[in-house]
Amino acid sequence: MSGQLLKQFVCQTRGISIVLADMVPSQGFYRPVEAVNSAIKNDVARKTEAAFKMPEMVPEKIKSRTDKLVITPLDKNKHATVSVLDESGDELGKFHVTDDPALQEPIRTSQKK
């Protein structure tokens, strides 16, 4: 999955990239990432990193294999679904990020891990 690099950070001595997918579903159609306001992109990248680091969101065994977090979809309320990918680009699972941390959903792991 390719896209626009929003941020890089370190977790468990691993460098992890946060990427906004090239095309973002929005209200039944797709729009290019360039159309997304930069303040929204920065805010969702910050929230994605914070959520990823929470133990109740992503287990340590998945964090240790993570290479990239890909955000899609992203809606106007700054809710996002985040795909967790390993170095090979295989999806380890997905989690949901919102403005209200109490409404965030922990990772749903993919069948092939």
PDB file of N, CA and C in Angstrom:
ATOM      1  N   MET A   1       0.848  -1.173   0.000  1.00  0.00           N
ATOM      2  CA  MET A   1       0.000   0.000   0.000  1.00  0.00           C
ATOM      3  C   MET A   1       0.891   1.233   0.000  1.00  0.00           C
ATOM      4  N   SER A   2       0.704   2.084  -0.973  1.00  0.00           N
ATOM      5  CA  SER A   2       1.508   3.293  -1.021  1.00  0.00           C
ATOM      6  C   SER A   2       0.670   4.477  -0.564  1.00  0.00           C
ATOM      7  N   GLY A   3       1.339   5.596  -0.372  1.00  0.00           N
ATOM      8  CA  GLY A   3       0.623   6.789   0.060  1.00  0.00           C
ATOM      9  C   GLY A   3       1.573   7.889   0.456  1.00  0.00           C
ATOM     10  N   GLN A   4       1.032   8.864   1.143  1.00  0.00           N
ATOM     11  CA  GLN A   4       1.794  10.030   1.577  1.00  0.00           C
ATOM     12  C   GLN A   4       2.296   9.799   3.002  1.00  0.00           C
ATOM     13  N   LEU A   5       3.619   9.896   3.189  1.00  0.00           N
ATOM     14  CA  LEU A   5       4.218   9.733   4.511  1.00  0.00           C
ATOM     15  C   LEU A   5       3.818  10.920   5.376  1.00  0.00           C
ATOM     16  N   LEU A   6       3.207  10.638   6.534  1.00  0.00           N
ATOM     17  CA  LEU A   6       2.794  11.698   7.450  1.00  0.00           C
ATOM     18  C   LEU A   6       3.759  11.871   8.611  1.00  0.00           C
ATOM     19  N   LYS A   7       4.326  10.742   9.072  1.00  0.00           N
ATOM     20  CA  LYS A   7       5.145  10.791  10.278  1.00  0.00           C
ATOM     21  C   LYS A   7       5.928   9.502  10.413  1.00  0.00           C
ATOM     22  N   GLN A   8       7.065   9.579  11.099  1.00  0.00           N
ATOM     23  CA  GLN A   8       7.823   8.395  11.478  1.00  0.00           C
ATOM     24  C   GLN A   8       8.112   8.491  12.966  1.00  0.00           C
ATOM     25  N   PHE A   9       8.090   7.347  13.641  1.00  0.00           N
ATOM     26  CA  PHE A   9       8.394   7.319  15.072  1.00  0.00           C
ATOM     27  C   PHE A   9       9.037   5.986  15.415  1.00  0.00           C
ATOM     28  N   VAL A  10       9.555   5.882  16.647  1.00  0.00           N
ATOM     29  CA  VAL A  10      10.209   4.666  17.101  1.00  0.00           C
ATOM     30  C   VAL A  10       9.359   4.026  18.190  1.00  0.00           C
ATOM     31  N   CYS A  11       9.173   2.714  18.070  1.00  0.00           N
ATOM     32  CA  CYS A  11       8.460   1.918  19.079  1.00  0.00           C
ATOM     33  C   CYS A  11       9.188   0.589  19.193  1.00  0.00           C
ATOM     34  N   GLN A  12       9.602   0.242  20.389  1.00  0.00           N
ATOM     35  CA  GLN A  12      10.353  -0.998  20.630  1.00  0.00           C
ATOM     36  C   GLN A  12      11.597  -1.067  19.743  1.00  0.00           C
ATOM     37  N   THR A  13      12.301   0.006  19.620  1.00  0.00           N
ATOM     38  CA  THR A  13      13.527   0.141  18.808  1.00  0.00           C
ATOM     39  C   THR A  13      13.295  -0.020  17.302  1.00  0.00           C
ATOM     40  N   ARG A  14      12.050  -0.088  16.868  1.00  0.00           N
ATOM     41  CA  ARG A  14      11.724  -0.205  15.445  1.00  0.00           C
ATOM     42  C   ARG A  14      11.244   1.138  14.919  1.00  0.00           C
ATOM     43  N   GLY A  15      11.702   1.501  13.733  1.00  0.00           N
ATOM     44  CA  GLY A  15      11.197   2.685  13.062  1.00  0.00           C
ATOM     45  C   GLY A  15       9.887   2.342  12.369  1.00  0.00           C
ATOM     46  N   ILE A  16       8.842   3.118  12.647  1.00  0.00           N
ATOM     47  CA  ILE A  16       7.518   2.858  12.081  1.00  0.00           C
ATOM     48  C   ILE A  16       7.052   4.094  11.332  1.00  0.00           C
ATOM     49  N   SER A  17       6.539   3.891  10.120  1.00  0.00           N
ATOM     50  CA  SER A  17       6.022   4.978   9.289  1.00  0.00           C
ATOM     51  C   SER A  17       4.506   5.019   9.376  1.00  0.00           C
ATOM     52  N   ILE A  18       3.955   6.237   9.427  1.00  0.00           N
ATOM     53  CA  ILE A  18       2.514   6.434   9.331  1.00  0.00           C
ATOM     54  C   ILE A  18       2.250   7.047   7.964  1.00  0.00           C
ATOM     55  N   VAL A  19       1.420   6.364   7.175  1.00  0.00           N
ATOM     56  CA  VAL A  19       1.162   6.739   5.790  1.00  0.00           C
ATOM     57  C   VAL A  19      -0.337   6.925   5.579  1.00  0.00           C
ATOM     58  N   LEU A  20      -0.705   7.964   4.838  1.00  0.00           N
ATOM     59  CA  LEU A  20      -2.093   8.147   4.424  1.00  0.00           C
ATOM     60  C   LEU A  20      -2.215   7.551   3.032  1.00  0.00           C
ATOM     61  N   ALA A  21      -3.106   6.580   2.876  1.00  0.00           N
ATOM     62  CA  ALA A  21      -3.259   5.876   1.595  1.00  0.00           C
ATOM     63  C   ALA A  21      -3.498   6.854   0.454  1.00  0.00           C
ATOM     64  N   ASP A  22      -3.008   6.497  -0.746  1.00  0.00           N
ATOM     65  CA  ASP A  22      -3.122   7.358  -1.929  1.00  0.00           C
ATOM     66  C   ASP A  22      -4.537   7.842  -2.200  1.00  0.00           C
ATOM     67  N   MET A  23      -5.486   6.951  -2.103  1.00  0.00           N
ATOM     68  CA  MET A  23      -6.876   7.322  -2.343  1.00  0.00           C
ATOM     69  C   MET A  23      -7.662   7.046  -1.072  1.00  0.00           C
ATOM     70  N   VAL A  24      -8.421   8.036  -0.627  1.00  0.00           N
ATOM     71  CA  VAL A  24      -9.148   7.940   0.632  1.00  0.00           C
ATOM     72  C   VAL A  24     -10.643   7.915   0.369  1.00  0.00           C
ATOM     73  N   PRO A  25     -11.347   6.828   0.759  1.00  0.00           N
ATOM     74  CA  PRO A  25     -12.794   6.800   0.569  1.00  0.00           C
ATOM     75  C   PRO A  25     -13.451   7.935   1.355  1.00  0.00           C
ATOM     76  N   SER A  26     -14.375   8.611   0.734  1.00  0.00           N
ATOM     77  CA  SER A  26     -15.072   9.710   1.400  1.00  0.00           C
ATOM     78  C   SER A  26     -16.502   9.803   0.877  1.00  0.00           C
ATOM     79  N   GLN A  27     -17.430   9.482   1.723  1.00  0.00           N
ATOM     80  CA  GLN A  27     -18.840   9.604   1.395  1.00  0.00           C
ATOM     81  C   GLN A  27     -19.210   8.916   0.082  1.00  0.00           C
ATOM     82  N   GLY A  28     -18.711   7.696  -0.108  1.00  0.00           N
ATOM     83  CA  GLY A  28     -19.096   6.911  -1.272  1.00  0.00           C
ATOM     84  C   GLY A  28     -18.242   7.119  -2.509  1.00  0.00           C
ATOM     85  N   PHE A  29     -17.259   8.001  -2.463  1.00  0.00           N
ATOM     86  CA  PHE A  29     -16.352   8.170  -3.598  1.00  0.00           C
ATOM     87  C   PHE A  29     -14.939   8.351  -3.073  1.00  0.00           C
ATOM     88  N   TYR A  30     -13.973   8.320  -3.958  1.00  0.00           N
ATOM     89  CA  TYR A  30     -12.578   8.454  -3.551  1.00  0.00           C
ATOM     90  C   TYR A  30     -12.060   9.847  -3.882  1.00  0.00           C
ATOM     91  N   ARG A  31     -11.144  10.330  -3.042  1.00  0.00           N
ATOM     92  CA  ARG A  31     -10.511  11.624  -3.301  1.00  0.00           C
ATOM     93  C   ARG A  31      -9.010  11.473  -3.087  1.00  0.00           C
ATOM     94  N   PRO A  32      -8.187  12.243  -3.795  1.00  0.00           N
ATOM     95  CA  PRO A  32      -6.738  12.148  -3.600  1.00  0.00           C
ATOM     96  C   PRO A  32      -6.329  12.716  -2.242  1.00  0.00           C
ATOM     97  N   VAL A  33      -5.239  12.182  -1.664  1.00  0.00           N
ATOM     98  CA  VAL A  33      -4.799  12.627  -0.337  1.00  0.00           C
ATOM     99  C   VAL A  33      -4.432  14.106  -0.307  1.00  0.00           C
ATOM    100  N   GLU A  34      -4.059  14.669  -1.452  1.00  0.00           N
ATOM    101  CA  GLU A  34      -3.711  16.084  -1.496  1.00  0.00           C
ATOM    102  C   GLU A  34      -4.910  16.962  -1.131  1.00  0.00           C
ATOM    103  N   ALA A  35      -6.124  16.424  -1.288  1.00  0.00           N
ATOM    104  CA  ALA A  35      -7.335  17.181  -0.974  1.00  0.00           C
ATOM    105  C   ALA A  35      -7.628  17.215   0.528  1.00  0.00           C
ATOM    106  N   VAL A  36      -6.925  16.407   1.307  1.00  0.00           N
ATOM    107  CA  VAL A  36      -7.145  16.365   2.743  1.00  0.00           C
ATOM    108  C   VAL A  36      -6.350  17.492   3.395  1.00  0.00           C
ATOM    109  N   ASN A  37      -7.015  18.274   4.232  1.00  0.00           N
ATOM    110  CA  ASN A  37      -6.407  19.391   4.939  1.00  0.00           C
ATOM    111  C   ASN A  37      -5.197  18.910   5.748  1.00  0.00           C
ATOM    112  N   SER A  38      -4.074  19.637   5.670  1.00  0.00           N
ATOM    113  CA  SER A  38      -2.847  19.213   6.356  1.00  0.00           C
ATOM    114  C   SER A  38      -3.012  19.185   7.873  1.00  0.00           C
ATOM    115  N   ALA A  39      -3.832  20.064   8.441  1.00  0.00           N
ATOM    116  CA  ALA A  39      -4.069  20.048   9.888  1.00  0.00           C
ATOM    117  C   ALA A  39      -4.765  18.751  10.292  1.00  0.00           C
ATOM    118  N   ILE A  40      -5.700  18.286   9.471  1.00  0.00           N
ATOM    119  CA  ILE A  40      -6.393  17.017   9.742  1.00  0.00           C
ATOM    120  C   ILE A  40      -5.396  15.867   9.640  1.00  0.00           C
ATOM    121  N   LYS A  41      -4.545  15.885   8.619  1.00  0.00           N
ATOM    122  CA  LYS A  41      -3.557  14.814   8.452  1.00  0.00           C
ATOM    123  C   LYS A  41      -2.607  14.760   9.648  1.00  0.00           C
ATOM    124  N   ASN A  42      -2.125  15.913  10.098  1.00  0.00           N
ATOM    125  CA  ASN A  42      -1.212  15.947  11.246  1.00  0.00           C
ATOM    126  C   ASN A  42      -1.895  15.453  12.513  1.00  0.00           C
ATOM    127  N   ASP A  43      -3.149  15.852  12.703  1.00  0.00           N
ATOM    128  CA  ASP A  43      -3.896  15.450  13.888  1.00  0.00           C
ATOM    129  C   ASP A  43      -4.138  13.942  13.903  1.00  0.00           C
ATOM    130  N   VAL A  44      -4.552  13.387  12.780  1.00  0.00           N
ATOM    131  CA  VAL A  44      -4.823  11.945  12.748  1.00  0.00           C
ATOM    132  C   VAL A  44      -3.520  11.144  12.860  1.00  0.00           C
ATOM    133  N   ALA A  45      -2.408  11.657  12.355  1.00  0.00           N
ATOM    134  CA  ALA A  45      -1.117  10.974  12.513  1.00  0.00           C
ATOM    135  C   ALA A  45      -0.722  10.941  13.992  1.00  0.00           C
ATOM    136  N   ARG A  46      -0.911  12.048  14.688  1.00  0.00           N
ATOM    137  CA  ARG A  46      -0.602  12.123  16.123  1.00  0.00           C
ATOM    138  C   ARG A  46      -1.470  11.130  16.906  1.00  0.00           C
ATOM    139  N   LYS A  47      -2.763  11.090  16.597  1.00  0.00           N
ATOM    140  CA  LYS A  47      -3.683  10.181  17.285  1.00  0.00           C
ATOM    141  C   LYS A  47      -3.379   8.727  16.962  1.00  0.00           C
ATOM    142  N   THR A  48      -2.970   8.467  15.726  1.00  0.00           N
ATOM    143  CA  THR A  48      -2.624   7.103  15.320  1.00  0.00           C
ATOM    144  C   THR A  48      -1.422   6.601  16.104  1.00  0.00           C
ATOM    145  N   GLU A  49      -0.386   7.430  16.213  1.00  0.00           N
ATOM    146  CA  GLU A  49       0.799   7.046  16.993  1.00  0.00           C
ATOM    147  C   GLU A  49       0.424   6.789  18.449  1.00  0.00           C
ATOM    148  N   ALA A  50      -0.338   7.699  19.049  1.00  0.00           N
ATOM    149  CA  ALA A  50      -0.729   7.550  20.452  1.00  0.00           C
ATOM    150  C   ALA A  50      -1.541   6.272  20.667  1.00  0.00           C
ATOM    151  N   ALA A  51      -2.488   5.999  19.779  1.00  0.00           N
ATOM    152  CA  ALA A  51      -3.311   4.795  19.906  1.00  0.00           C
ATOM    153  C   ALA A  51      -2.470   3.535  19.739  1.00  0.00           C
ATOM    154  N   PHE A  52      -1.562   3.539  18.768  1.00  0.00           N
ATOM    155  CA  PHE A  52      -0.711   2.376  18.513  1.00  0.00           C
ATOM    156  C   PHE A  52       0.124   2.028  19.742  1.00  0.00           C
ATOM    157  N   LYS A  53       0.576   3.041  20.465  1.00  0.00           N
ATOM    158  CA  LYS A  53       1.436   2.819  21.633  1.00  0.00           C
ATOM    159  C   LYS A  53       0.671   2.346  22.868  1.00  0.00           C
ATOM    160  N   MET A  54      -0.663   2.443  22.846  1.00  0.00           N
ATOM    161  CA  MET A  54      -1.464   2.005  23.995  1.00  0.00           C
ATOM    162  C   MET A  54      -1.513   0.473  24.034  1.00  0.00           C
ATOM    163  N   PRO A  55      -1.171  -0.137  25.187  1.00  0.00           N
ATOM    164  CA  PRO A  55      -1.150  -1.608  25.271  1.00  0.00           C
ATOM    165  C   PRO A  55      -2.501  -2.256  24.974  1.00  0.00           C
ATOM    166  N   GLU A  56      -3.600  -1.585  25.313  1.00  0.00           N
ATOM    167  CA  GLU A  56      -4.921  -2.175  25.079  1.00  0.00           C
ATOM    168  C   GLU A  56      -5.351  -2.092  23.617  1.00  0.00           C
ATOM    169  N   MET A  57      -4.652  -1.296  22.810  1.00  0.00           N
ATOM    170  CA  MET A  57      -4.999  -1.161  21.392  1.00  0.00           C
ATOM    171  C   MET A  57      -4.280  -2.191  20.523  1.00  0.00           C
ATOM    172  N   VAL A  58      -2.974  -2.338  20.753  1.00  0.00           N
ATOM    173  CA  VAL A  58      -2.162  -3.237  19.927  1.00  0.00           C
ATOM    174  C   VAL A  58      -1.233  -4.042  20.842  1.00  0.00           C
ATOM    175  N   PRO A  59      -1.325  -5.376  20.812  1.00  0.00           N
ATOM    176  CA  PRO A  59      -0.457  -6.202  21.657  1.00  0.00           C
ATOM    177  C   PRO A  59       1.018  -6.061  21.273  1.00  0.00           C
ATOM    178  N   GLU A  60       1.884  -6.278  22.253  1.00  0.00           N
ATOM    179  CA  GLU A  60       3.331  -6.144  22.046  1.00  0.00           C
ATOM    180  C   GLU A  60       3.844  -7.070  20.941  1.00  0.00           C
ATOM    181  N   LYS A  61       3.278  -8.275  20.823  1.00  0.00           N
ATOM    182  CA  LYS A  61       3.770  -9.212  19.798  1.00  0.00           C
ATOM    183  C   LYS A  61       3.507  -8.681  18.383  1.00  0.00           C
ATOM    184  N   ILE A  62       2.456  -7.880  18.205  1.00  0.00           N
ATOM    185  CA  ILE A  62       2.194  -7.277  16.892  1.00  0.00           C
ATOM    186  C   ILE A  62       3.050  -6.033  16.711  1.00  0.00           C
ATOM    187  N   LYS A  63       3.210  -5.236  17.771  1.00  0.00           N
ATOM    188  CA  LYS A  63       4.067  -4.043  17.686  1.00  0.00           C
ATOM    189  C   LYS A  63       5.481  -4.421  17.249  1.00  0.00           C
ATOM    190  N   SER A  64       5.971  -5.552  17.753  1.00  0.00           N
ATOM    191  CA  SER A  64       7.346  -5.960  17.449  1.00  0.00           C
ATOM    192  C   SER A  64       7.540  -6.346  15.984  1.00  0.00           C
ATOM    193  N   ARG A  65       6.449  -6.595  15.263  1.00  0.00           N
ATOM    194  CA  ARG A  65       6.526  -6.978  13.845  1.00  0.00           C
ATOM    195  C   ARG A  65       6.101  -5.857  12.905  1.00  0.00           C
ATOM    196  N   THR A  66       5.633  -4.740  13.461  1.00  0.00           N
ATOM    197  CA  THR A  66       5.064  -3.657  12.655  1.00  0.00           C
ATOM    198  C   THR A  66       6.142  -2.825  11.970  1.00  0.00           C
ATOM    199  N   ASP A  67       5.890  -2.512  10.690  1.00  0.00           N
ATOM    200  CA  ASP A  67       6.774  -1.657   9.900  1.00  0.00           C
ATOM    201  C   ASP A  67       6.063  -0.369   9.483  1.00  0.00           C
ATOM    202  N   LYS A  68       4.763  -0.469   9.203  1.00  0.00           N
ATOM    203  CA  LYS A  68       4.027   0.669   8.652  1.00  0.00           C
ATOM    204  C   LYS A  68       2.583   0.656   9.132  1.00  0.00           C
ATOM    205  N   LEU A  69       2.052   1.864   9.374  1.00  0.00           N
ATOM    206  CA  LEU A  69       0.641   2.053   9.689  1.00  0.00           C
ATOM    207  C   LEU A  69       0.032   2.849   8.546  1.00  0.00           C
ATOM    208  N   VAL A  70      -0.969   2.279   7.882  1.00  0.00           N
ATOM    209  CA  VAL A  70      -1.587   2.930   6.727  1.00  0.00           C
ATOM    210  C   VAL A  70      -2.999   3.362   7.094  1.00  0.00           C
ATOM    211  N   ILE A  71      -3.257   4.665   6.975  1.00  0.00           N
ATOM    212  CA  ILE A  71      -4.544   5.241   7.332  1.00  0.00           C
ATOM    213  C   ILE A  71      -5.459   5.277   6.112  1.00  0.00           C
ATOM    214  N   THR A  72      -6.595   4.616   6.209  1.00  0.00           N
ATOM    215  CA  THR A  72      -7.681   4.675   5.237  1.00  0.00           C
ATOM    216  C   THR A  72      -8.812   3.826   5.773  1.00  0.00           C
ATOM    217  N   PRO A  73     -10.027   4.237   5.753  1.00  0.00           N
ATOM    218  CA  PRO A  73     -10.479   5.557   5.340  1.00  0.00           C
ATOM    219  C   PRO A  73     -10.296   6.595   6.447  1.00  0.00           C
ATOM    220  N   LEU A  74     -10.481   7.824   6.072  1.00  0.00           N
ATOM    221  CA  LEU A  74     -10.421   8.961   6.988  1.00  0.00           C
ATOM    222  C   LEU A  74     -11.627   9.823   6.668  1.00  0.00           C
ATOM    223  N   ASP A  75     -12.458  10.106   7.674  1.00  0.00           N
ATOM    224  CA  ASP A  75     -13.641  10.924   7.379  1.00  0.00           C
ATOM    225  C   ASP A  75     -13.482  12.336   7.925  1.00  0.00           C
ATOM    226  N   LYS A  76     -14.434  13.186   7.623  1.00  0.00           N
ATOM    227  CA  LYS A  76     -14.332  14.604   8.006  1.00  0.00           C
ATOM    228  C   LYS A  76     -14.352  14.806   9.512  1.00  0.00           C
ATOM    229  N   ASN A  77     -14.776  13.788  10.265  1.00  0.00           N
ATOM    230  CA  ASN A  77     -14.768  13.870  11.724  1.00  0.00           C
ATOM    231  C   ASN A  77     -13.464  13.362  12.316  1.00  0.00           C
ATOM    232  N   LYS A  78     -12.493  13.115  11.463  1.00  0.00           N
ATOM    233  CA  LYS A  78     -11.166  12.656  11.858  1.00  0.00           C
ATOM    234  C   LYS A  78     -11.189  11.268  12.488  1.00  0.00           C
ATOM    235  N   HIS A  79     -12.140  10.445  12.054  1.00  0.00           N
ATOM    236  CA  HIS A  79     -12.144   9.031  12.419  1.00  0.00           C
ATOM    237  C   HIS A  79     -11.356   8.315  11.332  1.00  0.00           C
ATOM    238  N   ALA A  80     -10.540   7.359  11.727  1.00  0.00           N
ATOM    239  CA  ALA A  80      -9.710   6.679  10.743  1.00  0.00           C
ATOM    240  C   ALA A  80      -9.613   5.192  11.054  1.00  0.00           C
ATOM    241  N   THR A  81      -9.519   4.405   9.992  1.00  0.00           N
ATOM    242  CA  THR A  81      -9.182   2.997  10.115  1.00  0.00           C
ATOM    243  C   THR A  81      -7.716   2.874   9.743  1.00  0.00           C
ATOM    244  N   VAL A  82      -6.960   2.139  10.565  1.00  0.00           N
ATOM    245  CA  VAL A  82      -5.517   2.027  10.377  1.00  0.00           C
ATOM    246  C   VAL A  82      -5.150   0.567  10.141  1.00  0.00           C
ATOM    247  N   SER A  83      -4.515   0.297   8.995  1.00  0.00           N
ATOM    248  CA  SER A  83      -3.999  -1.037   8.702  1.00  0.00           C
ATOM    249  C   SER A  83      -2.572  -1.132   9.229  1.00  0.00           C
ATOM    250  N   VAL A  84      -2.280  -2.208   9.934  1.00  0.00           N
ATOM    251  CA  VAL A  84      -0.958  -2.455  10.504  1.00  0.00           C
ATOM    252  C   VAL A  84      -0.247  -3.448   9.587  1.00  0.00           C
ATOM    253  N   LEU A  85       0.886  -3.023   9.014  1.00  0.00           N
ATOM    254  CA  LEU A  85       1.609  -3.859   8.052  1.00  0.00           C
ATOM    255  C   LEU A  85       2.991  -4.242   8.570  1.00  0.00           C
ATOM    256  N   ASP A  86       3.451  -5.445   8.188  1.00  0.00           N
ATOM    257  CA  ASP A  86       4.814  -5.851   8.523  1.00  0.00           C
ATOM    258  C   ASP A  86       5.764  -5.446   7.398  1.00  0.00           C
ATOM    259  N   GLU A  87       7.035  -5.837   7.515  1.00  0.00           N
ATOM    260  CA  GLU A  87       8.054  -5.442   6.523  1.00  0.00           C
ATOM    261  C   GLU A  87       7.742  -5.954   5.122  1.00  0.00           C
ATOM    262  N   SER A  88       7.028  -7.067   5.018  1.00  0.00           N
ATOM    263  CA  SER A  88       6.686  -7.640   3.705  1.00  0.00           C
ATOM    264  C   SER A  88       5.450  -6.994   3.101  1.00  0.00           C
ATOM    265  N   GLY A  89       4.793  -6.117   3.862  1.00  0.00           N
ATOM    266  CA  GLY A  89       3.566  -5.494   3.388  1.00  0.00           C
ATOM    267  C   GLY A  89       2.322  -6.301   3.712  1.00  0.00           C
ATOM    268  N   ASP A  90       2.497  -7.393   4.466  1.00  0.00           N
ATOM    269  CA  ASP A  90       1.353  -8.205   4.876  1.00  0.00           C
ATOM    270  C   ASP A  90       0.620  -7.507   6.017  1.00  0.00           C
ATOM    271  N   GLU A  91      -0.707  -7.548   5.961  1.00  0.00           N
ATOM    272  CA  GLU A  91      -1.507  -6.908   7.001  1.00  0.00           C
ATOM    273  C   GLU A  91      -1.574  -7.788   8.242  1.00  0.00           C
ATOM    274  N   LEU A  92      -1.208  -7.198   9.381  1.00  0.00           N
ATOM    275  CA  LEU A  92      -1.274  -7.899  10.665  1.00  0.00           C
ATOM    276  C   LEU A  92      -2.627  -7.683  11.335  1.00  0.00           C
ATOM    277  N   GLY A  93      -3.298  -6.595  10.975  1.00  0.00           N
ATOM    278  CA  GLY A  93      -4.601  -6.286  11.539  1.00  0.00           C
ATOM    279  C   GLY A  93      -4.974  -4.839  11.281  1.00  0.00           C
ATOM    280  N   LYS A  94      -6.123  -4.424  11.854  1.00  0.00           N
ATOM    281  CA  LYS A  94      -6.624  -3.054  11.703  1.00  0.00           C
ATOM    282  C   LYS A  94      -7.148  -2.572  13.043  1.00  0.00           C
ATOM    283  N   PHE A  95      -7.032  -1.250  13.284  1.00  0.00           N
ATOM    284  CA  PHE A  95      -7.681  -0.654  14.446  1.00  0.00           C
ATOM    285  C   PHE A  95      -8.299   0.670  14.037  1.00  0.00           C
ATOM    286  N   HIS A  96      -9.177   1.186  14.919  1.00  0.00           N
ATOM    287  CA  HIS A  96      -9.945   2.389  14.619  1.00  0.00           C
ATOM    288  C   HIS A  96      -9.520   3.506  15.564  1.00  0.00           C
ATOM    289  N   VAL A  97      -9.305   4.705  15.012  1.00  0.00           N
ATOM    290  CA  VAL A  97      -8.884   5.872  15.782  1.00  0.00           C
ATOM    291  C   VAL A  97      -9.968   6.939  15.689  1.00  0.00           C
ATOM    292  N   THR A  98     -10.314   7.548  16.846  1.00  0.00           N
ATOM    293  CA  THR A  98     -11.321   8.607  16.881  1.00  0.00           C
ATOM    294  C   THR A  98     -10.834   9.763  17.766  1.00  0.00           C
ATOM    295  N   ASP A  99     -11.601  10.862  17.763  1.00  0.00           N
ATOM    296  CA  ASP A  99     -11.305  11.981  18.664  1.00  0.00           C
ATOM    297  C   ASP A  99     -11.441  11.572  20.124  1.00  0.00           C
ATOM    298  N   ASP A 100     -12.395  10.687  20.407  1.00  0.00           N
ATOM    299  CA  ASP A 100     -12.654  10.236  21.767  1.00  0.00           C
ATOM    300  C   ASP A 100     -11.980   8.884  21.988  1.00  0.00           C
ATOM    301  N   PRO A 101     -10.878   8.839  22.767  1.00  0.00           N
ATOM    302  CA  PRO A 101     -10.173   7.572  22.982  1.00  0.00           C
ATOM    303  C   PRO A 101     -11.062   6.446  23.526  1.00  0.00           C
ATOM    304  N   ALA A 102     -12.133   6.793  24.233  1.00  0.00           N
ATOM    305  CA  ALA A 102     -13.036   5.766  24.761  1.00  0.00           C
ATOM    306  C   ALA A 102     -13.787   5.039  23.647  1.00  0.00           C
ATOM    307  N   LEU A 103     -13.899   5.668  22.472  1.00  0.00           N
ATOM    308  CA  LEU A 103     -14.608   5.058  21.350  1.00  0.00           C
ATOM    309  C   LEU A 103     -13.678   4.330  20.375  1.00  0.00           C
ATOM    310  N   GLN A 104     -12.376   4.391  20.626  1.00  0.00           N
ATOM    311  CA  GLN A 104     -11.425   3.724  19.735  1.00  0.00           C
ATOM    312  C   GLN A 104     -11.574   2.216  19.859  1.00  0.00           C
ATOM    313  N   GLU A 105     -11.372   1.530  18.747  1.00  0.00           N
ATOM    314  CA  GLU A 105     -11.489   0.078  18.733  1.00  0.00           C
ATOM    315  C   GLU A 105     -10.112  -0.553  18.634  1.00  0.00           C
ATOM    316  N   PRO A 106      -9.801  -1.540  19.504  1.00  0.00           N
ATOM    317  CA  PRO A 106      -8.506  -2.217  19.448  1.00  0.00           C
ATOM    318  C   PRO A 106      -8.332  -2.992  18.154  1.00  0.00           C
ATOM    319  N   ILE A 107      -7.128  -3.427  17.936  1.00  0.00           N
ATOM    320  CA  ILE A 107      -6.787  -4.120  16.693  1.00  0.00           C
ATOM    321  C   ILE A 107      -7.629  -5.386  16.516  1.00  0.00           C
ATOM    322  N   ARG A 108      -8.059  -5.562  15.268  1.00  0.00           N
ATOM    323  CA  ARG A 108      -8.674  -6.812  14.833  1.00  0.00           C
ATOM    324  C   ARG A 108      -7.602  -7.479  13.978  1.00  0.00           C
ATOM    325  N   THR A 109      -7.081  -8.582  14.458  1.00  0.00           N
ATOM    326  CA  THR A 109      -5.976  -9.210  13.744  1.00  0.00           C
ATOM    327  C   THR A 109      -6.453  -9.889  12.475  1.00  0.00           C
ATOM    328  N   SER A 110      -5.566  -9.917  11.499  1.00  0.00           N
ATOM    329  CA  SER A 110      -5.859 -10.570  10.224  1.00  0.00           C
ATOM    330  C   SER A 110      -5.719 -12.068  10.381  1.00  0.00           C
ATOM    331  N   GLN A 111      -6.406 -12.815   9.530  1.00  0.00           N
ATOM    332  CA  GLN A 111      -6.379 -14.281   9.610  1.00  0.00           C
ATOM    333  C   GLN A 111      -4.972 -14.834   9.382  1.00  0.00           C
ATOM    334  N   LYS A 112      -4.280 -14.345   8.354  1.00  0.00           N
ATOM    335  CA  LYS A 112      -2.919 -14.848   8.089  1.00  0.00           C
ATOM    336  C   LYS A 112      -1.926 -13.924   8.776  1.00  0.00           C
ATOM    337  N   LYS A 113      -1.343 -14.391   9.873  1.00  0.00           N
ATOM    338  CA  LYS A 113      -0.403 -13.582  10.650  1.00  0.00           C
ATOM    339  C   LYS A 113       0.996 -14.108  10.519  1.00  0.00           C
TER     340      LYS A 113
END
